[in-house]
N, C-alpha and C. Protein backbone atom coordinates (compact mmCIF):
# COMPACT_ATOMS: atom_id res chain seq x y z
N UNK A 1 -71.11 66.09 -30.92
CA UNK A 1 -71.31 67.53 -31.00
C UNK A 1 -71.65 67.89 -32.45
N UNK A 2 -72.65 68.66 -32.60
CA UNK A 2 -73.14 69.01 -33.92
C UNK A 2 -72.72 70.44 -34.29
N UNK A 3 -72.15 70.61 -35.46
CA UNK A 3 -71.75 71.93 -35.93
C UNK A 3 -72.82 72.49 -36.85
N UNK A 4 -73.12 73.75 -36.67
CA UNK A 4 -74.08 74.39 -37.56
C UNK A 4 -73.34 74.86 -38.81
N UNK A 5 -74.09 75.17 -39.82
CA UNK A 5 -73.49 75.65 -41.07
C UNK A 5 -72.72 76.95 -40.83
N UNK A 6 -73.27 77.82 -40.00
CA UNK A 6 -72.58 79.09 -39.70
C UNK A 6 -71.22 78.84 -39.04
N UNK A 7 -71.16 77.88 -38.11
CA UNK A 7 -69.89 77.59 -37.44
C UNK A 7 -68.87 77.04 -38.44
N UNK A 8 -69.32 76.18 -39.33
CA UNK A 8 -68.42 75.62 -40.35
C UNK A 8 -67.92 76.73 -41.27
N UNK A 9 -68.81 77.62 -41.67
CA UNK A 9 -68.42 78.73 -42.54
C UNK A 9 -67.44 79.66 -41.83
N UNK A 10 -67.64 79.90 -40.54
CA UNK A 10 -66.73 80.76 -39.79
C UNK A 10 -65.34 80.11 -39.68
N UNK A 11 -65.32 78.78 -39.48
CA UNK A 11 -64.02 78.09 -39.44
C UNK A 11 -63.32 78.18 -40.79
N UNK A 12 -64.08 78.00 -41.86
CA UNK A 12 -63.51 78.09 -43.21
C UNK A 12 -62.99 79.50 -43.47
N UNK A 13 -63.72 80.50 -43.03
CA UNK A 13 -63.32 81.90 -43.19
C UNK A 13 -62.00 82.15 -42.46
N UNK A 14 -61.89 81.63 -41.24
CA UNK A 14 -60.65 81.80 -40.47
C UNK A 14 -59.49 81.09 -41.16
N UNK A 15 -59.73 79.90 -41.72
CA UNK A 15 -58.69 79.17 -42.44
C UNK A 15 -58.23 79.96 -43.67
N UNK A 16 -59.20 80.54 -44.39
CA UNK A 16 -58.86 81.35 -45.56
C UNK A 16 -58.06 82.59 -45.18
N UNK A 17 -58.39 83.19 -44.05
CA UNK A 17 -57.63 84.36 -43.58
C UNK A 17 -56.17 83.98 -43.30
N UNK A 18 -55.97 82.83 -42.65
CA UNK A 18 -54.60 82.38 -42.35
C UNK A 18 -53.84 82.10 -43.65
N UNK A 19 -54.52 81.45 -44.59
CA UNK A 19 -53.88 81.16 -45.88
C UNK A 19 -53.52 82.45 -46.61
N UNK A 20 -54.46 83.41 -46.60
CA UNK A 20 -54.23 84.68 -47.30
C UNK A 20 -53.03 85.40 -46.68
N UNK A 21 -52.93 85.39 -45.37
CA UNK A 21 -51.83 86.06 -44.69
C UNK A 21 -50.49 85.43 -45.09
N UNK A 22 -50.42 84.09 -45.09
CA UNK A 22 -49.18 83.39 -45.44
C UNK A 22 -48.82 83.62 -46.90
N UNK A 23 -49.79 83.51 -47.80
CA UNK A 23 -49.52 83.70 -49.22
C UNK A 23 -49.13 85.14 -49.53
N UNK A 24 -49.76 86.10 -48.85
CA UNK A 24 -49.45 87.51 -49.07
C UNK A 24 -48.01 87.82 -48.66
N UNK A 25 -47.56 87.22 -47.56
CA UNK A 25 -46.18 87.44 -47.12
C UNK A 25 -45.19 86.90 -48.16
N UNK A 26 -45.47 85.72 -48.70
CA UNK A 26 -44.60 85.15 -49.74
C UNK A 26 -44.67 85.99 -51.01
N UNK A 27 -45.87 86.41 -51.39
CA UNK A 27 -46.10 87.22 -52.59
C UNK A 27 -45.29 88.52 -52.53
N UNK A 28 -45.32 89.19 -51.38
CA UNK A 28 -44.62 90.46 -51.23
C UNK A 28 -43.10 90.31 -51.29
N UNK A 29 -42.59 89.12 -50.94
CA UNK A 29 -41.15 88.89 -50.94
C UNK A 29 -40.59 88.58 -52.33
N UNK A 30 -41.45 88.24 -53.27
CA UNK A 30 -41.00 87.86 -54.62
C UNK A 30 -40.91 89.08 -55.53
N UNK A 31 -40.06 89.01 -56.56
CA UNK A 31 -39.91 90.15 -57.48
C UNK A 31 -41.16 90.33 -58.35
N UNK A 32 -41.56 91.60 -58.51
CA UNK A 32 -42.72 91.88 -59.35
C UNK A 32 -42.27 92.21 -60.76
N UNK A 33 -43.20 92.14 -61.70
CA UNK A 33 -42.90 92.52 -63.07
C UNK A 33 -42.82 91.32 -63.99
N UNK A 34 -42.13 91.53 -65.11
CA UNK A 34 -41.97 90.47 -66.10
C UNK A 34 -40.55 90.53 -66.64
N UNK A 35 -40.14 89.42 -67.26
CA UNK A 35 -38.80 89.34 -67.83
C UNK A 35 -38.90 89.66 -69.32
N UNK A 36 -38.09 90.64 -69.74
CA UNK A 36 -38.08 91.05 -71.14
C UNK A 36 -36.72 90.80 -71.76
N UNK A 37 -36.68 90.06 -72.88
CA UNK A 37 -35.40 89.88 -73.58
C UNK A 37 -35.12 91.08 -74.47
N UNK A 38 -33.88 91.47 -74.55
CA UNK A 38 -33.44 92.56 -75.44
C UNK A 38 -32.22 92.08 -76.20
N UNK A 39 -32.12 92.50 -77.44
CA UNK A 39 -30.95 92.19 -78.24
C UNK A 39 -30.10 93.45 -78.31
N UNK A 40 -28.91 93.37 -77.70
CA UNK A 40 -28.00 94.51 -77.66
C UNK A 40 -26.68 94.09 -78.30
N UNK A 41 -26.34 94.74 -79.42
CA UNK A 41 -25.11 94.43 -80.17
C UNK A 41 -25.05 92.94 -80.53
N UNK A 42 -26.18 92.35 -80.85
CA UNK A 42 -26.22 90.96 -81.25
C UNK A 42 -26.26 89.97 -80.10
N UNK A 43 -26.21 90.44 -78.86
CA UNK A 43 -26.25 89.57 -77.69
C UNK A 43 -27.63 89.65 -77.05
N UNK A 44 -28.10 88.52 -76.57
CA UNK A 44 -29.40 88.46 -75.89
C UNK A 44 -29.20 88.81 -74.41
N UNK A 45 -29.88 89.85 -73.96
CA UNK A 45 -29.83 90.28 -72.56
C UNK A 45 -31.24 90.21 -72.00
N UNK A 46 -31.35 89.99 -70.70
CA UNK A 46 -32.66 89.89 -70.05
C UNK A 46 -32.79 90.92 -68.95
N UNK A 47 -33.99 91.50 -68.87
CA UNK A 47 -34.27 92.53 -67.88
C UNK A 47 -35.56 92.21 -67.15
N UNK A 48 -35.57 92.49 -65.86
CA UNK A 48 -36.80 92.42 -65.08
C UNK A 48 -37.40 93.81 -65.15
N UNK A 49 -38.62 93.90 -65.68
CA UNK A 49 -39.27 95.20 -65.82
C UNK A 49 -40.52 95.26 -64.96
N UNK A 50 -40.69 96.40 -64.28
CA UNK A 50 -41.87 96.62 -63.45
C UNK A 50 -42.12 98.11 -63.32
N UNK A 51 -43.29 98.45 -62.86
CA UNK A 51 -43.67 99.86 -62.69
C UNK A 51 -43.48 100.33 -61.27
N UNK A 52 -43.04 101.56 -61.15
CA UNK A 52 -43.04 102.28 -59.88
C UNK A 52 -43.70 103.60 -60.18
N UNK A 53 -44.98 103.70 -59.86
CA UNK A 53 -45.75 104.88 -60.22
C UNK A 53 -45.90 104.95 -61.73
N UNK A 54 -45.45 106.04 -62.32
CA UNK A 54 -45.53 106.22 -63.77
C UNK A 54 -44.30 105.67 -64.50
N UNK A 55 -43.23 105.41 -63.76
CA UNK A 55 -41.98 104.96 -64.38
C UNK A 55 -41.95 103.45 -64.57
N UNK A 56 -41.32 103.03 -65.65
CA UNK A 56 -41.04 101.62 -65.87
C UNK A 56 -39.57 101.41 -65.54
N UNK A 57 -39.32 100.53 -64.58
CA UNK A 57 -37.96 100.25 -64.12
C UNK A 57 -37.48 98.96 -64.79
N UNK A 58 -36.27 98.97 -65.30
CA UNK A 58 -35.65 97.79 -65.91
C UNK A 58 -34.38 97.45 -65.15
N UNK A 59 -34.29 96.22 -64.67
CA UNK A 59 -33.09 95.77 -63.97
C UNK A 59 -32.49 94.60 -64.72
N UNK A 60 -31.21 94.69 -64.99
CA UNK A 60 -30.50 93.64 -65.72
C UNK A 60 -30.48 92.35 -64.90
N UNK A 61 -30.66 91.22 -65.59
CA UNK A 61 -30.59 89.91 -64.95
C UNK A 61 -29.40 89.16 -65.56
N UNK A 62 -28.50 88.72 -64.71
CA UNK A 62 -27.35 87.94 -65.18
C UNK A 62 -27.85 86.59 -65.69
N UNK A 63 -27.16 86.04 -66.69
CA UNK A 63 -27.59 84.77 -67.29
C UNK A 63 -27.71 83.65 -66.26
N UNK A 64 -26.78 83.60 -65.31
CA UNK A 64 -26.82 82.54 -64.29
C UNK A 64 -27.98 82.71 -63.30
N UNK A 65 -28.55 83.90 -63.23
CA UNK A 65 -29.68 84.16 -62.33
C UNK A 65 -31.03 84.11 -63.05
N UNK A 66 -31.02 83.99 -64.37
CA UNK A 66 -32.24 84.05 -65.16
C UNK A 66 -33.26 82.99 -64.77
N UNK A 67 -32.84 81.75 -64.62
CA UNK A 67 -33.77 80.66 -64.28
C UNK A 67 -34.41 80.89 -62.92
N UNK A 68 -33.60 81.31 -61.95
CA UNK A 68 -34.11 81.56 -60.60
C UNK A 68 -35.11 82.72 -60.59
N UNK A 69 -34.77 83.82 -61.24
CA UNK A 69 -35.66 84.98 -61.28
C UNK A 69 -36.95 84.63 -62.03
N UNK A 70 -36.82 83.86 -63.09
CA UNK A 70 -37.98 83.45 -63.87
C UNK A 70 -38.94 82.61 -63.02
N UNK A 71 -38.41 81.68 -62.23
CA UNK A 71 -39.24 80.87 -61.33
C UNK A 71 -39.95 81.75 -60.30
N UNK A 72 -39.23 82.73 -59.76
CA UNK A 72 -39.81 83.60 -58.75
C UNK A 72 -40.93 84.46 -59.34
N UNK A 73 -40.73 84.98 -60.55
CA UNK A 73 -41.75 85.80 -61.20
C UNK A 73 -42.99 84.94 -61.48
N UNK A 74 -42.78 83.72 -61.94
CA UNK A 74 -43.91 82.81 -62.21
C UNK A 74 -44.63 82.44 -60.92
N UNK A 75 -43.87 82.21 -59.86
CA UNK A 75 -44.48 81.89 -58.55
C UNK A 75 -45.33 83.06 -58.07
N UNK A 76 -44.84 84.29 -58.24
CA UNK A 76 -45.60 85.47 -57.83
C UNK A 76 -46.91 85.54 -58.63
N UNK A 77 -46.85 85.25 -59.92
CA UNK A 77 -48.06 85.27 -60.76
C UNK A 77 -49.06 84.22 -60.26
N UNK A 78 -48.57 83.05 -59.92
CA UNK A 78 -49.42 81.97 -59.40
C UNK A 78 -50.05 82.38 -58.06
N UNK A 79 -49.25 82.98 -57.18
CA UNK A 79 -49.78 83.43 -55.89
C UNK A 79 -50.83 84.51 -56.06
N UNK A 80 -50.65 85.38 -57.05
CA UNK A 80 -51.63 86.43 -57.31
C UNK A 80 -52.99 85.82 -57.65
N UNK A 81 -52.98 84.78 -58.48
CA UNK A 81 -54.23 84.09 -58.83
C UNK A 81 -54.84 83.41 -57.60
N UNK A 82 -54.01 82.78 -56.79
CA UNK A 82 -54.50 82.12 -55.57
C UNK A 82 -55.11 83.12 -54.61
N UNK A 83 -54.45 84.26 -54.43
CA UNK A 83 -54.97 85.30 -53.54
C UNK A 83 -56.30 85.83 -54.05
N UNK A 84 -56.42 85.99 -55.37
CA UNK A 84 -57.68 86.45 -55.95
C UNK A 84 -58.80 85.44 -55.63
N UNK A 85 -58.52 84.16 -55.81
CA UNK A 85 -59.51 83.12 -55.53
C UNK A 85 -59.91 83.09 -54.05
N UNK A 86 -58.92 83.24 -53.18
CA UNK A 86 -59.21 83.26 -51.73
C UNK A 86 -60.10 84.44 -51.39
N UNK A 87 -59.79 85.61 -51.94
CA UNK A 87 -60.62 86.79 -51.66
C UNK A 87 -62.05 86.61 -52.14
N UNK A 88 -62.22 85.96 -53.30
CA UNK A 88 -63.58 85.69 -53.80
C UNK A 88 -64.33 84.75 -52.87
N UNK A 89 -63.66 83.70 -52.40
CA UNK A 89 -64.29 82.77 -51.47
C UNK A 89 -64.67 83.46 -50.16
N UNK A 90 -63.80 84.33 -49.67
CA UNK A 90 -64.09 85.05 -48.43
C UNK A 90 -65.30 85.96 -48.60
N UNK A 91 -65.41 86.61 -49.75
CA UNK A 91 -66.58 87.47 -50.00
C UNK A 91 -67.86 86.66 -50.04
N UNK A 92 -67.80 85.46 -50.65
CA UNK A 92 -68.98 84.59 -50.68
C UNK A 92 -69.42 84.22 -49.27
N UNK A 93 -68.45 83.84 -48.43
CA UNK A 93 -68.76 83.47 -47.05
C UNK A 93 -69.33 84.67 -46.29
N UNK A 94 -68.75 85.85 -46.49
CA UNK A 94 -69.25 87.06 -45.82
C UNK A 94 -70.71 87.30 -46.17
N UNK A 95 -71.08 87.11 -47.44
CA UNK A 95 -72.46 87.32 -47.85
C UNK A 95 -73.41 86.33 -47.19
N UNK A 96 -72.98 85.10 -47.05
CA UNK A 96 -73.84 84.06 -46.47
C UNK A 96 -73.98 84.24 -44.96
N UNK A 97 -72.91 84.57 -44.27
CA UNK A 97 -72.91 84.65 -42.81
C UNK A 97 -73.64 85.87 -42.29
N UNK A 98 -73.72 86.92 -43.07
CA UNK A 98 -74.38 88.17 -42.61
C UNK A 98 -75.66 87.93 -41.95
C-alpha cells in the first residue's frame, strides 16, 4: 500500500495534535512564574513570582520545597518551548496541505 505525501502529512498533523494536547495538560498543571531570592533580615528567602492581570503575586517557598518547585518551573519553561515548536510545525503542515 502506497501512502501519498498528503496522507503522511495528515498523520503527522494528528500526531502533533495529540502531543500538543498531552503537553498542554502537563504545562497547565505546573506552577507559572519564576523564583526570586530575597534577603530579609540577613536570611535568604525564596518566592515564586507570577502575574495575575496587572498584579505581581509572590508566594513564599519553603527551603525544603525549593528544589521541587525549581524543577517544576524549569519543566514548564521547557514545555513552553516544545509547545511553541509543535505549533510552528502544525502551521507549516497546514500551509502545505491546503
